Amino acid sequence: MATPLDVIGDLDLTVDGEYVAVRGDGRRVVVDVPSLATARRLITKTPYGDTPRDTAAYVQDLLAEVDLTLDVMLNHQRVARLGADARPNAVSRLLNLGDVEVHPSVPARESAARNPVATALLLITGVGLLLWLLRRGND
């Protein structure tokens, strides 16, 4: 195992015109992005893999090796945790993200607020599918 690292400091970035705050307080680094699009651009503009999943796996392993934790925040609410303190959950396993911890409710709420009609159609379709499956199971 590599020697543990401490990261202490503040860094303000602009990614394609959007402000991103990076804060380190020892064993934890927090990256706060204003939108999912900005987070996606950060993940896809790295040399650590061909896909965002590859990048996440690489960063997860690297952070765990040096005993650091990275919290990815969307408007001050955690959407993902990578590194030493990450605790994979059911969503992580469903998406085959390895040891990366994800919390999709925050981006889901943001998306629903931005696209209420699409959200309503998706919910209606989901309820319809659920009712169809329940009816089919009773036959």
Protein backbone atom coordinates (compact mmCIF):
# COMPACT_ATOMS: atom_id res chain seq x y z
CA MET A 1 0.00 0.00 0.00
CA ALA A 2 1.17 3.49 -0.82
CA THR A 3 1.76 6.10 1.85
CA PRO A 4 -1.47 7.89 2.84
CA LEU A 5 -1.86 11.44 1.56
CA ASP A 6 -3.38 14.57 3.05
CA VAL A 7 -4.88 17.10 0.67
CA ILE A 8 -5.43 20.54 2.15
CA GLY A 9 -6.46 23.49 0.04
CA ASP A 10 -9.03 25.17 -2.14
CA LEU A 11 -9.07 25.25 -5.91
CA ASP A 12 -11.59 27.04 -8.09
CA LEU A 13 -11.90 25.85 -11.68
CA THR A 14 -13.88 26.88 -14.70
CA VAL A 15 -14.94 23.99 -16.92
CA ASP A 16 -16.44 25.12 -20.21
CA GLY A 17 -17.55 28.35 -18.53
CA GLU A 18 -19.01 26.73 -15.41
CA TYR A 19 -17.55 27.19 -11.93
CA VAL A 20 -16.32 24.07 -10.13
CA ALA A 21 -15.11 24.19 -6.51
CA VAL A 22 -12.50 21.71 -5.25
CA ARG A 23 -11.81 21.59 -1.51
CA GLY A 24 -9.40 19.38 0.39
CA ASP A 25 -9.51 19.03 4.19
CA GLY A 26 -7.03 16.25 4.83
CA ARG A 27 -8.22 12.80 3.85
CA ARG A 28 -11.29 14.09 2.00
CA VAL A 29 -11.55 16.03 -1.26
CA VAL A 30 -14.86 17.57 -2.32
CA VAL A 31 -15.61 18.49 -5.93
CA ASP A 32 -18.82 20.53 -6.26
CA VAL A 33 -20.18 20.79 -9.80
CA PRO A 34 -23.11 22.98 -10.90
CA SER A 35 -24.63 20.45 -13.32
CA LEU A 36 -24.50 16.85 -14.46
CA ALA A 37 -23.18 18.03 -17.82
CA THR A 38 -20.15 19.58 -16.10
CA ALA A 39 -19.52 16.39 -14.13
CA ARG A 40 -19.75 14.38 -17.35
CA ARG A 41 -17.24 16.68 -19.05
CA LEU A 42 -14.82 16.26 -16.15
CA ILE A 43 -15.07 12.47 -16.32
CA THR A 44 -14.81 12.18 -20.09
CA LYS A 45 -11.85 14.56 -20.43
CA THR A 46 -9.41 12.34 -18.55
CA PRO A 47 -6.73 10.00 -19.87
CA TYR A 48 -7.62 7.25 -17.38
CA GLY A 49 -9.88 5.06 -19.46
CA ASP A 50 -12.01 4.75 -22.55
CA THR A 51 -15.32 5.10 -20.69
CA PRO A 52 -16.55 6.96 -17.60
CA ARG A 53 -16.79 3.57 -15.85
CA ASP A 54 -13.08 2.91 -16.58
CA THR A 55 -12.19 6.37 -15.30
CA ALA A 56 -14.22 5.87 -12.12
CA ALA A 57 -12.59 2.48 -11.48
CA TYR A 58 -9.10 3.92 -11.98
CA VAL A 59 -9.76 6.89 -9.68
CA GLN A 60 -11.44 4.63 -7.10
CA ASP A 61 -8.42 2.33 -6.94
CA LEU A 62 -5.93 5.21 -6.83
CA LEU A 63 -7.74 7.03 -4.03
CA ALA A 64 -8.20 3.87 -1.97
CA GLU A 65 -4.47 3.15 -2.36
CA VAL A 66 -3.51 6.49 -0.78
CA ASP A 67 -6.36 6.49 1.78
CA LEU A 68 -8.21 9.48 0.29
CA THR A 69 -11.94 9.94 -0.24
CA LEU A 70 -13.46 12.00 -3.04
CA ASP A 71 -17.01 13.32 -2.70
CA VAL A 72 -18.64 14.50 -5.91
CA MET A 73 -21.34 17.03 -5.11
CA LEU A 74 -24.08 18.42 -7.33
CA ASN A 75 -25.09 21.82 -5.97
CA HIS A 76 -23.81 20.89 -2.49
CA GLN A 77 -25.48 17.46 -2.35
CA ARG A 78 -23.41 14.29 -2.67
CA VAL A 79 -24.01 12.21 -5.78
CA ALA A 80 -20.95 9.97 -5.62
CA ARG A 81 -18.13 8.94 -3.31
CA LEU A 82 -14.93 7.30 -4.45
CA GLY A 83 -11.89 6.10 -2.56
CA ALA A 84 -11.19 4.91 0.95
CA ASP A 85 -14.59 5.67 2.53
CA ALA A 86 -16.77 4.69 -0.45
CA ARG A 87 -19.45 2.15 0.42
CA PRO A 88 -20.94 0.59 -2.72
CA ASN A 89 -24.72 0.40 -2.62
CA ALA A 90 -27.40 -1.37 -4.66
CA VAL A 91 -27.20 1.23 -7.42
CA SER A 92 -23.42 0.76 -7.65
CA ARG A 93 -23.89 -2.97 -8.05
CA LEU A 94 -26.73 -2.54 -10.58
CA LEU A 95 -24.54 -0.25 -12.71
CA ASN A 96 -21.47 -2.46 -12.21
CA LEU A 97 -19.43 0.42 -10.77
CA GLY A 98 -17.29 -1.65 -8.45
CA ASP A 99 -16.47 0.12 -5.18
CA VAL A 100 -17.86 3.51 -6.24
CA GLU A 101 -20.76 4.74 -4.07
CA VAL A 102 -23.53 6.56 -5.98
CA HIS A 103 -26.65 8.45 -4.93
CA PRO A 104 -28.85 8.96 -8.00
CA SER A 105 -31.78 10.70 -6.27
CA VAL A 106 -30.11 14.13 -6.48
CA PRO A 107 -29.55 14.06 -10.25
CA ALA A 108 -32.98 12.48 -10.73
CA ARG A 109 -34.63 15.39 -8.89
CA GLU A 110 -32.61 17.91 -10.92
CA SER A 111 -33.58 16.23 -14.17
CA ALA A 112 -37.24 16.06 -13.14
CA ALA A 113 -37.26 19.76 -12.31
CA ARG A 114 -35.76 20.63 -15.70
CA ASN A 115 -37.99 18.25 -17.72
CA PRO A 116 -41.39 17.91 -15.99
CA VAL A 117 -43.23 16.66 -19.09
CA ALA A 118 -40.64 13.95 -19.78
CA THR A 119 -40.72 13.00 -16.10
CA ALA A 120 -44.51 12.69 -16.12
CA LEU A 121 -44.40 10.52 -19.25
CA LEU A 122 -41.71 8.32 -17.71
CA LEU A 123 -43.73 7.89 -14.50
CA ILE A 124 -46.91 7.07 -16.41
CA THR A 125 -45.01 4.50 -18.48
CA GLY A 126 -43.44 3.00 -15.36
CA VAL A 127 -46.77 2.72 -13.55
CA GLY A 128 -48.35 1.22 -16.66
CA LEU A 129 -45.57 -1.36 -16.93
CA LEU A 130 -45.86 -2.21 -13.24
CA LEU A 131 -49.62 -2.68 -13.50
CA TRP A 132 -49.20 -4.85 -16.59
CA LEU A 133 -46.63 -7.03 -14.80
CA LEU A 134 -48.86 -7.38 -11.74
CA ARG A 135 -51.87 -8.27 -13.89
CA ARG A 136 -49.85 -10.74 -15.89
CA GLY A 137 -48.56 -12.37 -12.68
CA ASN A 138 -52.15 -12.90 -11.44
CA ASP A 139 -53.22 -14.75 -14.63
